[in-house]
Amino acid sequence: MAHLKAKETRQDNQGRKRWKVDLTKRLYEKGYQREDIINLFRFIDWVMKLPEELENSFWQEVTQYEQEKKMPYITSVERRGIEQGLQQGLQQGLQQGKVEGFIEGIQISLELKFGSDGLTILPEISQIQDVEMLKTILSSIKTANTLEELRQIYQ
């Protein structure tokens, strides 16, 4: 149901939030065990992502519902852990995106400056995951006269 409603509300964040609240409440009402509710909720939360302001509103509604029904299956600590996990995932994704962007820039620059010979050192450079080092390599391509001179920067 979560997957179907996520597809159905792709362009309707308010509708998605309403469905996410509804599906979460249903987990409580169906009498599932605590662990089942948490696991199913993780799936719903993953499939039905919301913008931050709606996510906050969602949590307020769920917290209020939990308090009314005295059913705190997803504790604030677990909620915080889920949020931190999502943030860490985003940060790792951003870091990887930066690395890939710099490597692509280096590839283009190497080919422009040194022709196809410049691409011979690309496999070595592609192993580097340090964004600052990649930035240094990219800017050094302008002044390097040879590939060996450039290679000395990162070895």
N, C-alpha and C. Protein backbone atom coordinates (compact mmCIF):
# COMPACT_ATOMS: atom_id res chain seq x y z
N MET A 1 0.83 -1.19 0.00
CA MET A 1 0.00 0.00 0.00
C MET A 1 0.88 1.26 0.00
N ALA A 2 1.95 1.23 0.80
CA ALA A 2 2.83 2.40 0.87
C ALA A 2 3.44 2.69 -0.50
N HIS A 3 3.87 1.67 -1.17
CA HIS A 3 4.47 1.85 -2.50
C HIS A 3 3.46 2.43 -3.48
N LEU A 4 2.26 1.88 -3.48
CA LEU A 4 1.22 2.36 -4.39
C LEU A 4 0.86 3.81 -4.10
N LYS A 5 0.72 4.14 -2.83
CA LYS A 5 0.37 5.52 -2.46
C LYS A 5 1.52 6.48 -2.72
N ALA A 6 2.74 6.01 -2.60
CA ALA A 6 3.90 6.86 -2.92
C ALA A 6 3.89 7.21 -4.41
N LYS A 7 3.59 6.23 -5.25
CA LYS A 7 3.50 6.49 -6.69
C LYS A 7 2.34 7.42 -7.00
N GLU A 8 1.22 7.17 -6.35
CA GLU A 8 0.01 7.95 -6.60
C GLU A 8 0.18 9.42 -6.17
N THR A 9 0.96 9.65 -5.13
CA THR A 9 1.11 11.02 -4.58
C THR A 9 2.46 11.64 -4.94
N ARG A 10 3.06 11.18 -5.99
CA ARG A 10 4.37 11.67 -6.41
C ARG A 10 4.40 13.20 -6.53
N GLN A 11 3.35 13.79 -7.03
CA GLN A 11 3.28 15.24 -7.22
C GLN A 11 2.42 15.94 -6.17
N ASP A 12 2.03 15.21 -5.13
CA ASP A 12 1.11 15.76 -4.12
C ASP A 12 1.66 15.47 -2.73
N ASN A 13 2.53 16.35 -2.23
CA ASN A 13 3.15 16.11 -0.93
C ASN A 13 2.15 16.13 0.22
N GLN A 14 1.14 16.99 0.14
CA GLN A 14 0.12 17.02 1.20
C GLN A 14 -0.64 15.68 1.23
N GLY A 15 -1.00 15.19 0.06
CA GLY A 15 -1.68 13.91 -0.01
C GLY A 15 -0.80 12.78 0.49
N ARG A 16 0.48 12.85 0.15
CA ARG A 16 1.43 11.83 0.61
C ARG A 16 1.52 11.84 2.13
N LYS A 17 1.57 13.03 2.71
CA LYS A 17 1.63 13.13 4.17
C LYS A 17 0.39 12.52 4.81
N ARG A 18 -0.79 12.84 4.26
CA ARG A 18 -2.03 12.27 4.79
C ARG A 18 -2.00 10.74 4.75
N TRP A 19 -1.54 10.19 3.63
CA TRP A 19 -1.47 8.74 3.50
C TRP A 19 -0.42 8.14 4.43
N LYS A 20 0.69 8.83 4.59
CA LYS A 20 1.74 8.33 5.48
C LYS A 20 1.23 8.28 6.91
N VAL A 21 0.50 9.32 7.33
CA VAL A 21 -0.11 9.33 8.67
C VAL A 21 -1.11 8.19 8.78
N ASP A 22 -1.97 8.05 7.77
CA ASP A 22 -3.00 7.01 7.78
C ASP A 22 -2.38 5.61 7.86
N LEU A 23 -1.38 5.35 7.04
CA LEU A 23 -0.75 4.03 7.04
C LEU A 23 -0.04 3.76 8.36
N THR A 24 0.57 4.78 8.94
CA THR A 24 1.25 4.61 10.22
C THR A 24 0.23 4.30 11.32
N LYS A 25 -0.88 5.01 11.32
CA LYS A 25 -1.94 4.74 12.31
C LYS A 25 -2.47 3.32 12.15
N ARG A 26 -2.61 2.88 10.91
CA ARG A 26 -3.11 1.52 10.66
C ARG A 26 -2.19 0.47 11.28
N LEU A 27 -0.88 0.75 11.28
CA LEU A 27 0.05 -0.20 11.88
C LEU A 27 -0.30 -0.42 13.36
N TYR A 28 -0.60 0.67 14.03
CA TYR A 28 -0.97 0.57 15.44
C TYR A 28 -2.29 -0.17 15.62
N GLU A 29 -3.24 0.15 14.77
CA GLU A 29 -4.60 -0.36 14.92
C GLU A 29 -4.73 -1.84 14.57
N LYS A 30 -3.84 -2.35 13.74
CA LYS A 30 -3.93 -3.75 13.32
C LYS A 30 -3.45 -4.72 14.39
N GLY A 31 -2.86 -4.20 15.45
CA GLY A 31 -2.43 -5.06 16.55
C GLY A 31 -1.12 -5.78 16.29
N TYR A 32 -0.30 -5.26 15.39
CA TYR A 32 1.00 -5.87 15.14
C TYR A 32 1.90 -5.75 16.37
N GLN A 33 2.87 -6.63 16.46
CA GLN A 33 3.86 -6.55 17.53
C GLN A 33 4.75 -5.33 17.31
N ARG A 34 5.34 -4.85 18.39
CA ARG A 34 6.16 -3.64 18.36
C ARG A 34 7.24 -3.72 17.27
N GLU A 35 7.97 -4.82 17.22
CA GLU A 35 9.06 -4.97 16.25
C GLU A 35 8.53 -4.95 14.81
N ASP A 36 7.38 -5.55 14.58
CA ASP A 36 6.76 -5.54 13.25
C ASP A 36 6.37 -4.12 12.84
N ILE A 37 5.81 -3.39 13.80
CA ILE A 37 5.43 -2.00 13.51
C ILE A 37 6.64 -1.18 13.14
N ILE A 38 7.71 -1.33 13.90
CA ILE A 38 8.93 -0.56 13.62
C ILE A 38 9.48 -0.91 12.23
N ASN A 39 9.55 -2.18 11.92
CA ASN A 39 10.08 -2.59 10.61
C ASN A 39 9.20 -2.12 9.46
N LEU A 40 7.88 -2.26 9.61
CA LEU A 40 6.98 -1.80 8.57
C LEU A 40 7.03 -0.28 8.44
N PHE A 41 7.14 0.40 9.58
CA PHE A 41 7.22 1.86 9.52
C PHE A 41 8.49 2.29 8.78
N ARG A 42 9.60 1.63 9.02
CA ARG A 42 10.84 1.99 8.32
C ARG A 42 10.64 1.92 6.81
N PHE A 43 9.92 0.90 6.36
CA PHE A 43 9.65 0.78 4.94
C PHE A 43 8.77 1.94 4.46
N ILE A 44 7.70 2.21 5.20
CA ILE A 44 6.80 3.32 4.83
C ILE A 44 7.58 4.63 4.78
N ASP A 45 8.41 4.86 5.79
CA ASP A 45 9.19 6.10 5.87
C ASP A 45 10.16 6.21 4.69
N TRP A 46 10.74 5.10 4.29
CA TRP A 46 11.69 5.10 3.18
C TRP A 46 10.98 5.37 1.85
N VAL A 47 9.83 4.75 1.66
CA VAL A 47 9.10 4.86 0.40
C VAL A 47 8.38 6.20 0.27
N MET A 48 7.90 6.73 1.38
CA MET A 48 7.06 7.93 1.35
C MET A 48 7.80 9.13 1.93
N LYS A 49 8.90 9.48 1.33
CA LYS A 49 9.69 10.63 1.79
C LYS A 49 8.88 11.91 1.64
N LEU A 50 9.08 12.82 2.61
CA LEU A 50 8.39 14.10 2.60
C LEU A 50 9.39 15.24 2.74
N PRO A 51 9.03 16.43 2.24
CA PRO A 51 9.87 17.60 2.50
C PRO A 51 9.94 17.83 4.01
N GLU A 52 10.98 18.50 4.45
CA GLU A 52 11.24 18.63 5.89
C GLU A 52 10.06 19.20 6.68
N GLU A 53 9.42 20.26 6.16
CA GLU A 53 8.32 20.86 6.93
C GLU A 53 7.15 19.90 7.08
N LEU A 54 6.86 19.12 6.04
CA LEU A 54 5.78 18.14 6.14
C LEU A 54 6.19 16.95 7.00
N GLU A 55 7.47 16.61 6.96
CA GLU A 55 7.97 15.52 7.81
C GLU A 55 7.80 15.89 9.28
N ASN A 56 8.11 17.15 9.61
CA ASN A 56 7.92 17.61 10.99
C ASN A 56 6.46 17.56 11.38
N SER A 57 5.59 17.99 10.49
CA SER A 57 4.15 17.95 10.75
C SER A 57 3.67 16.50 10.91
N PHE A 58 4.19 15.62 10.08
CA PHE A 58 3.87 14.20 10.19
C PHE A 58 4.21 13.67 11.58
N TRP A 59 5.45 13.97 12.04
CA TRP A 59 5.88 13.46 13.34
C TRP A 59 5.03 14.03 14.47
N GLN A 60 4.60 15.27 14.34
CA GLN A 60 3.73 15.86 15.37
C GLN A 60 2.42 15.09 15.45
N GLU A 61 1.84 14.79 14.29
CA GLU A 61 0.57 14.04 14.27
C GLU A 61 0.74 12.64 14.84
N VAL A 62 1.82 11.97 14.45
CA VAL A 62 2.04 10.60 14.93
C VAL A 62 2.30 10.62 16.44
N THR A 63 3.08 11.56 16.91
CA THR A 63 3.37 11.66 18.34
C THR A 63 2.09 11.90 19.12
N GLN A 64 1.26 12.81 18.62
CA GLN A 64 -0.01 13.10 19.28
C GLN A 64 -0.88 11.84 19.31
N TYR A 65 -0.92 11.12 18.20
CA TYR A 65 -1.71 9.89 18.12
C TYR A 65 -1.19 8.85 19.12
N GLU A 66 0.14 8.70 19.17
CA GLU A 66 0.74 7.75 20.11
C GLU A 66 0.36 8.09 21.54
N GLN A 67 0.40 9.38 21.86
CA GLN A 67 0.07 9.81 23.22
C GLN A 67 -1.40 9.56 23.54
N GLU A 68 -2.26 9.84 22.59
CA GLU A 68 -3.70 9.61 22.79
C GLU A 68 -3.99 8.13 23.02
N LYS A 69 -3.33 7.30 22.23
CA LYS A 69 -3.57 5.86 22.29
C LYS A 69 -2.64 5.14 23.27
N LYS A 70 -1.69 5.90 23.83
CA LYS A 70 -0.69 5.33 24.74
C LYS A 70 0.03 4.17 24.07
N MET A 71 0.55 4.43 22.86
CA MET A 71 1.22 3.41 22.05
C MET A 71 2.53 3.95 21.49
N PRO A 72 3.49 4.27 22.30
CA PRO A 72 4.75 4.82 21.76
C PRO A 72 5.66 3.72 21.19
N TYR A 73 5.24 3.13 20.08
CA TYR A 73 6.04 2.06 19.49
C TYR A 73 7.34 2.57 18.90
N ILE A 74 7.30 3.74 18.32
CA ILE A 74 8.51 4.32 17.75
C ILE A 74 8.91 5.44 18.69
N THR A 75 9.85 5.15 19.55
CA THR A 75 10.22 6.12 20.57
C THR A 75 10.96 7.30 19.97
N SER A 76 11.03 8.37 20.73
CA SER A 76 11.74 9.55 20.24
C SER A 76 13.21 9.22 19.98
N VAL A 77 13.79 8.33 20.77
CA VAL A 77 15.19 7.94 20.54
C VAL A 77 15.31 7.21 19.21
N GLU A 78 14.39 6.31 18.91
CA GLU A 78 14.42 5.61 17.63
C GLU A 78 14.20 6.58 16.48
N ARG A 79 13.27 7.51 16.68
CA ARG A 79 13.00 8.52 15.66
C ARG A 79 14.27 9.31 15.37
N ARG A 80 14.94 9.71 16.46
CA ARG A 80 16.19 10.49 16.32
C ARG A 80 17.24 9.65 15.59
N GLY A 81 17.32 8.38 15.93
CA GLY A 81 18.28 7.50 15.25
C GLY A 81 17.99 7.37 13.77
N ILE A 82 16.72 7.26 13.43
CA ILE A 82 16.32 7.18 12.02
C ILE A 82 16.73 8.47 11.30
N GLU A 83 16.43 9.61 11.93
CA GLU A 83 16.78 10.89 11.33
C GLU A 83 18.29 11.03 11.14
N GLN A 84 19.06 10.63 12.17
CA GLN A 84 20.52 10.73 12.06
C GLN A 84 21.05 9.80 10.97
N GLY A 85 20.47 8.62 10.87
CA GLY A 85 20.88 7.70 9.81
C GLY A 85 20.61 8.27 8.43
N LEU A 86 19.47 8.91 8.27
CA LEU A 86 19.14 9.54 6.99
C LEU A 86 20.12 10.67 6.69
N GLN A 87 20.44 11.48 7.70
CA GLN A 87 21.38 12.58 7.50
C GLN A 87 22.77 12.06 7.11
N GLN A 88 23.23 11.01 7.80
CA GLN A 88 24.53 10.43 7.46
C GLN A 88 24.54 9.91 6.03
N GLY A 89 23.45 9.27 5.63
CA GLY A 89 23.35 8.79 4.26
C GLY A 89 23.42 9.93 3.26
N LEU A 90 22.75 11.03 3.56
CA LEU A 90 22.79 12.20 2.68
C LEU A 90 24.21 12.76 2.58
N GLN A 91 24.88 12.87 3.73
CA GLN A 91 26.24 13.41 3.73
C GLN A 91 27.19 12.52 2.92
N GLN A 92 27.06 11.21 3.09
CA GLN A 92 27.90 10.30 2.33
C GLN A 92 27.62 10.42 0.84
N GLY A 93 26.35 10.58 0.49
CA GLY A 93 25.99 10.75 -0.91
C GLY A 93 26.55 12.03 -1.49
N LEU A 94 26.50 13.11 -0.72
CA LEU A 94 27.07 14.39 -1.17
C LEU A 94 28.57 14.27 -1.37
N GLN A 95 29.24 13.63 -0.42
CA GLN A 95 30.70 13.44 -0.52
C GLN A 95 31.05 12.65 -1.77
N GLN A 96 30.33 11.56 -2.00
CA GLN A 96 30.60 10.74 -3.18
C GLN A 96 30.32 11.51 -4.45
N GLY A 97 29.28 12.33 -4.44
CA GLY A 97 28.97 13.17 -5.61
C GLY A 97 30.09 14.16 -5.91
N LYS A 98 30.66 14.74 -4.86
CA LYS A 98 31.78 15.67 -5.05
C LYS A 98 32.98 14.94 -5.66
N VAL A 99 33.28 13.77 -5.11
CA VAL A 99 34.41 12.99 -5.63
C VAL A 99 34.20 12.69 -7.11
N GLU A 100 33.03 12.22 -7.46
CA GLU A 100 32.75 11.88 -8.86
C GLU A 100 32.81 13.11 -9.76
N GLY A 101 32.32 14.24 -9.25
CA GLY A 101 32.37 15.48 -10.02
C GLY A 101 33.81 15.93 -10.29
N PHE A 102 34.65 15.87 -9.28
CA PHE A 102 36.05 16.26 -9.46
C PHE A 102 36.77 15.31 -10.41
N ILE A 103 36.51 14.03 -10.28
CA ILE A 103 37.16 13.06 -11.18
C ILE A 103 36.74 13.31 -12.63
N GLU A 104 35.48 13.62 -12.83
CA GLU A 104 35.01 13.94 -14.18
C GLU A 104 35.70 15.20 -14.71
N GLY A 105 35.82 16.21 -13.86
CA GLY A 105 36.52 17.44 -14.25
C GLY A 105 37.98 17.18 -14.57
N ILE A 106 38.61 16.33 -13.77
CA ILE A 106 40.01 15.97 -14.01
C ILE A 106 40.15 15.23 -15.33
N GLN A 107 39.24 14.32 -15.59
CA GLN A 107 39.28 13.57 -16.85
C GLN A 107 39.22 14.51 -18.05
N ILE A 108 38.30 15.44 -18.02
CA ILE A 108 38.15 16.38 -19.13
C ILE A 108 39.40 17.24 -19.26
N SER A 109 39.91 17.72 -18.14
CA SER A 109 41.09 18.58 -18.16
C SER A 109 42.32 17.84 -18.66
N LEU A 110 42.48 16.59 -18.21
CA LEU A 110 43.63 15.80 -18.66
C LEU A 110 43.59 15.59 -20.17
N GLU A 111 42.43 15.29 -20.68
CA GLU A 111 42.30 15.04 -22.11
C GLU A 111 42.53 16.31 -22.91
N LEU A 112 42.02 17.43 -22.41
CA LEU A 112 42.23 18.70 -23.11
C LEU A 112 43.70 19.11 -23.13
N LYS A 113 44.38 18.92 -22.01
CA LYS A 113 45.77 19.38 -21.91
C LYS A 113 46.76 18.40 -22.53
N PHE A 114 46.57 17.10 -22.25
CA PHE A 114 47.57 16.12 -22.67
C PHE A 114 47.08 15.15 -23.74
N GLY A 115 45.86 15.34 -24.21
CA GLY A 115 45.31 14.42 -25.20
C GLY A 115 44.99 13.07 -24.57
N SER A 116 44.92 12.04 -25.39
CA SER A 116 44.57 10.72 -24.87
C SER A 116 45.63 10.18 -23.93
N ASP A 117 46.87 10.65 -24.02
CA ASP A 117 47.91 10.23 -23.08
C ASP A 117 47.57 10.64 -21.65
N GLY A 118 46.88 11.77 -21.52
CA GLY A 118 46.51 12.25 -20.19
C GLY A 118 45.60 11.28 -19.45
N LEU A 119 44.84 10.52 -20.19
CA LEU A 119 43.90 9.59 -19.56
C LEU A 119 44.59 8.35 -18.97
N THR A 120 45.87 8.18 -19.27
CA THR A 120 46.58 7.00 -18.74
C THR A 120 46.73 7.06 -17.22
N ILE A 121 46.71 8.25 -16.63
CA ILE A 121 46.83 8.33 -15.17
C ILE A 121 45.46 8.41 -14.47
N LEU A 122 44.41 8.45 -15.24
CA LEU A 122 43.08 8.55 -14.66
C LEU A 122 42.73 7.38 -13.72
N PRO A 123 43.09 6.13 -14.04
CA PRO A 123 42.78 5.05 -13.09
C PRO A 123 43.40 5.27 -11.71
N GLU A 124 44.61 5.82 -11.68
CA GLU A 124 45.26 6.10 -10.40
C GLU A 124 44.49 7.18 -9.65
N ILE A 125 44.15 8.23 -10.35
CA ILE A 125 43.45 9.36 -9.73
C ILE A 125 42.05 8.95 -9.28
N SER A 126 41.41 8.07 -10.02
CA SER A 126 40.06 7.63 -9.67
C SER A 126 40.00 6.88 -8.34
N GLN A 127 41.14 6.40 -7.86
CA GLN A 127 41.19 5.71 -6.57
C GLN A 127 41.17 6.69 -5.39
N ILE A 128 41.45 7.96 -5.65
CA ILE A 128 41.53 8.96 -4.59
C ILE A 128 40.12 9.39 -4.19
N GLN A 129 39.85 9.37 -2.90
CA GLN A 129 38.53 9.74 -2.38
C GLN A 129 38.55 11.06 -1.60
N ASP A 130 39.73 11.64 -1.43
CA ASP A 130 39.88 12.89 -0.70
C ASP A 130 39.55 14.07 -1.61
N VAL A 131 38.47 14.77 -1.30
CA VAL A 131 37.99 15.87 -2.14
C VAL A 131 39.04 16.97 -2.26
N GLU A 132 39.72 17.28 -1.18
CA GLU A 132 40.74 18.35 -1.22
C GLU A 132 41.90 17.97 -2.14
N MET A 133 42.31 16.71 -2.10
CA MET A 133 43.39 16.26 -2.99
C MET A 133 42.93 16.32 -4.44
N LEU A 134 41.71 15.91 -4.70
CA LEU A 134 41.19 15.97 -6.07
C LEU A 134 41.12 17.42 -6.56
N LYS A 135 40.74 18.32 -5.67
CA LYS A 135 40.68 19.74 -6.01
C LYS A 135 42.07 20.25 -6.36
N THR A 136 43.07 19.82 -5.58
CA THR A 136 44.46 20.22 -5.83
C THR A 136 44.93 19.68 -7.18
N ILE A 137 44.62 18.43 -7.47
CA ILE A 137 45.01 17.83 -8.76
C ILE A 137 44.38 18.61 -9.90
N LEU A 138 43.10 18.89 -9.80
CA LEU A 138 42.40 19.60 -10.87
C LEU A 138 43.04 20.96 -11.13
N SER A 139 43.32 21.70 -10.07
CA SER A 139 43.91 23.02 -10.28
C SER A 139 45.36 22.93 -10.75
N SER A 140 46.05 21.84 -10.42
CA SER A 140 47.45 21.67 -10.83
C SER A 140 47.61 21.30 -12.29
N ILE A 141 46.57 20.81 -12.90
CA ILE A 141 46.65 20.44 -14.31
C ILE A 141 47.00 21.66 -15.16
N LYS A 142 46.52 22.83 -14.74
CA LYS A 142 46.80 24.07 -15.50
C LYS A 142 48.29 24.34 -15.61
N THR A 143 49.02 24.10 -14.53
CA THR A 143 50.44 24.48 -14.50
C THR A 143 51.40 23.34 -14.77
N ALA A 144 50.91 22.10 -14.69
CA ALA A 144 51.79 20.94 -14.91
C ALA A 144 52.21 20.88 -16.38
N ASN A 145 53.49 20.62 -16.59
CA ASN A 145 54.02 20.51 -17.95
C ASN A 145 54.01 19.07 -18.46
N THR A 146 54.07 18.12 -17.52
CA THR A 146 54.08 16.71 -17.90
C THR A 146 53.17 15.92 -16.97
N LEU A 147 52.83 14.72 -17.40
CA LEU A 147 52.03 13.84 -16.55
C LEU A 147 52.81 13.43 -15.31
N GLU A 148 54.10 13.23 -15.46
CA GLU A 148 54.95 12.86 -14.32
C GLU A 148 54.96 13.97 -13.28
N GLU A 149 55.00 15.19 -13.72
CA GLU A 149 54.97 16.33 -12.81
C GLU A 149 53.63 16.35 -12.05
N LEU A 150 52.56 16.05 -12.73
CA LEU A 150 51.25 16.00 -12.11
C LEU A 150 51.16 14.82 -11.15
N ARG A 151 51.70 13.69 -11.52
CA ARG A 151 51.67 12.49 -10.70
C ARG A 151 52.36 12.72 -9.35
N GLN A 152 53.40 13.55 -9.32
CA GLN A 152 54.13 13.82 -8.07
C GLN A 152 53.24 14.53 -7.04
N ILE A 153 52.21 15.18 -7.46
CA ILE A 153 51.32 15.89 -6.55
C ILE A 153 50.54 14.94 -5.69
N TYR A 154 50.11 13.81 -6.23
CA TYR A 154 49.24 12.91 -5.46
C TYR A 154 49.94 11.64 -4.98
N GLN A 155 51.19 11.48 -5.29
CA GLN A 155 51.86 10.25 -4.81
C GLN A 155 52.68 10.52 -3.57
